[in-house]
Amino acid sequence: MELTNKKSDWWEEISKEEKESIEKGIEDSKSGNLKSHSEVKKLYDKWL
């Protein structure tokens, strides 16, 4: 029995939609389209 130490790349395992969502988030970040943690917490506090 041969054991291998193969690491899988999670990027290859996620859906097209997940990849698009991540890429959109990266673009938003690069363009400065962000909200601070405190702003987000205020918006979603009632659900947290």
N, C-alpha and C. Protein backbone atom coordinates (compact mmCIF):
# COMPACT_ATOMS: atom_id res chain seq x y z
N MET A 1 0.84 -1.18 0.00
CA MET A 1 0.00 0.00 0.00
C MET A 1 0.89 1.24 0.00
N GLU A 2 0.65 2.11 -0.95
CA GLU A 2 1.45 3.34 -1.06
C GLU A 2 0.65 4.52 -0.54
N LEU A 3 1.25 5.26 0.36
CA LEU A 3 0.61 6.46 0.88
C LEU A 3 1.16 7.67 0.14
N THR A 4 0.28 8.59 -0.18
CA THR A 4 0.73 9.81 -0.83
C THR A 4 0.32 11.00 0.02
N ASN A 5 1.08 12.03 -0.08
CA ASN A 5 0.78 13.26 0.65
C ASN A 5 0.31 14.30 -0.35
N LYS A 6 -0.82 14.03 -0.98
CA LYS A 6 -1.35 14.92 -2.01
C LYS A 6 -2.26 15.96 -1.37
N LYS A 7 -1.95 17.21 -1.61
CA LYS A 7 -2.79 18.29 -1.13
C LYS A 7 -3.72 18.70 -2.26
N SER A 8 -4.99 18.87 -1.93
CA SER A 8 -5.93 19.31 -2.96
C SER A 8 -6.07 20.82 -2.90
N ASP A 9 -6.33 21.41 -4.04
CA ASP A 9 -6.53 22.85 -4.14
C ASP A 9 -8.02 23.12 -4.00
N TRP A 10 -8.42 23.79 -2.90
CA TRP A 10 -9.84 24.02 -2.64
C TRP A 10 -10.49 24.81 -3.76
N TRP A 11 -9.73 25.65 -4.46
CA TRP A 11 -10.29 26.46 -5.55
C TRP A 11 -10.87 25.55 -6.63
N GLU A 12 -10.24 24.44 -6.87
CA GLU A 12 -10.72 23.51 -7.89
C GLU A 12 -11.95 22.73 -7.43
N GLU A 13 -12.27 22.80 -6.16
CA GLU A 13 -13.37 22.02 -5.61
C GLU A 13 -14.65 22.82 -5.38
N ILE A 14 -14.59 24.14 -5.55
CA ILE A 14 -15.78 24.96 -5.32
C ILE A 14 -16.51 25.23 -6.64
N SER A 15 -17.75 25.64 -6.53
CA SER A 15 -18.58 25.85 -7.71
C SER A 15 -18.20 27.13 -8.45
N LYS A 16 -18.69 27.24 -9.67
CA LYS A 16 -18.47 28.43 -10.48
C LYS A 16 -19.05 29.66 -9.77
N GLU A 17 -20.23 29.49 -9.19
CA GLU A 17 -20.88 30.60 -8.49
C GLU A 17 -20.05 31.08 -7.29
N GLU A 18 -19.47 30.12 -6.55
CA GLU A 18 -18.62 30.48 -5.42
C GLU A 18 -17.38 31.24 -5.88
N LYS A 19 -16.78 30.78 -6.97
CA LYS A 19 -15.60 31.45 -7.53
C LYS A 19 -15.94 32.88 -7.95
N GLU A 20 -17.09 33.04 -8.62
CA GLU A 20 -17.51 34.37 -9.06
C GLU A 20 -17.75 35.29 -7.87
N SER A 21 -18.34 34.76 -6.80
CA SER A 21 -18.60 35.55 -5.62
C SER A 21 -17.29 36.00 -4.96
N ILE A 22 -16.33 35.11 -4.88
CA ILE A 22 -15.02 35.45 -4.31
C ILE A 22 -14.33 36.50 -5.16
N GLU A 23 -14.36 36.31 -6.48
CA GLU A 23 -13.72 37.27 -7.38
C GLU A 23 -14.38 38.64 -7.29
N LYS A 24 -15.69 38.68 -7.15
CA LYS A 24 -16.39 39.96 -6.98
C LYS A 24 -15.97 40.64 -5.69
N GLY A 25 -15.84 39.86 -4.62
CA GLY A 25 -15.38 40.41 -3.35
C GLY A 25 -13.98 41.00 -3.45
N ILE A 26 -13.11 40.32 -4.18
CA ILE A 26 -11.74 40.83 -4.38
C ILE A 26 -11.77 42.14 -5.15
N GLU A 27 -12.58 42.20 -6.20
CA GLU A 27 -12.70 43.44 -6.99
C GLU A 27 -13.29 44.57 -6.15
N ASP A 28 -14.31 44.27 -5.34
CA ASP A 28 -14.89 45.28 -4.45
C ASP A 28 -13.82 45.82 -3.50
N SER A 29 -13.02 44.93 -2.97
CA SER A 29 -11.96 45.33 -2.05
C SER A 29 -10.94 46.24 -2.74
N LYS A 30 -10.54 45.86 -3.94
CA LYS A 30 -9.56 46.65 -4.69
C LYS A 30 -10.10 48.04 -5.01
N SER A 31 -11.40 48.14 -5.26
CA SER A 31 -11.99 49.44 -5.63
C SER A 31 -12.42 50.26 -4.41
N GLY A 32 -12.20 49.71 -3.20
CA GLY A 32 -12.55 50.44 -1.99
C GLY A 32 -14.01 50.34 -1.60
N ASN A 33 -14.75 49.46 -2.24
CA ASN A 33 -16.17 49.28 -1.95
C ASN A 33 -16.32 48.33 -0.75
N LEU A 34 -16.00 48.87 0.43
CA LEU A 34 -16.01 48.07 1.65
C LEU A 34 -16.79 48.75 2.76
N LYS A 35 -17.20 47.98 3.74
CA LYS A 35 -17.82 48.51 4.95
C LYS A 35 -16.99 48.01 6.13
N SER A 36 -16.86 48.85 7.13
CA SER A 36 -16.10 48.46 8.31
C SER A 36 -16.88 47.41 9.11
N HIS A 37 -16.17 46.72 9.97
CA HIS A 37 -16.79 45.71 10.82
C HIS A 37 -17.91 46.32 11.66
N SER A 38 -17.66 47.52 12.19
CA SER A 38 -18.68 48.15 13.03
C SER A 38 -19.93 48.53 12.22
N GLU A 39 -19.75 48.96 10.98
CA GLU A 39 -20.92 49.27 10.13
C GLU A 39 -21.73 48.01 9.85
N VAL A 40 -21.05 46.93 9.54
CA VAL A 40 -21.75 45.67 9.24
C VAL A 40 -22.45 45.16 10.50
N LYS A 41 -21.77 45.27 11.62
CA LYS A 41 -22.38 44.80 12.87
C LYS A 41 -23.66 45.56 13.17
N LYS A 42 -23.66 46.88 12.93
CA LYS A 42 -24.88 47.67 13.16
C LYS A 42 -26.01 47.20 12.25
N LEU A 43 -25.68 46.90 10.99
CA LEU A 43 -26.70 46.46 10.04
C LEU A 43 -27.30 45.10 10.42
N TYR A 44 -26.46 44.19 10.90
CA TYR A 44 -26.90 42.81 11.12
C TYR A 44 -27.01 42.43 12.60
N ASP A 45 -26.89 43.42 13.48
CA ASP A 45 -26.91 43.14 14.91
C ASP A 45 -28.16 42.40 15.36
N LYS A 46 -29.28 42.71 14.76
CA LYS A 46 -30.53 42.07 15.18
C LYS A 46 -30.55 40.58 14.86
N TRP A 47 -29.70 40.12 13.95
CA TRP A 47 -29.65 38.69 13.60
C TRP A 47 -28.47 37.98 14.28
N LEU A 48 -27.57 38.74 14.88
CA LEU A 48 -26.39 38.12 15.50
C LEU A 48 -26.61 37.78 16.95
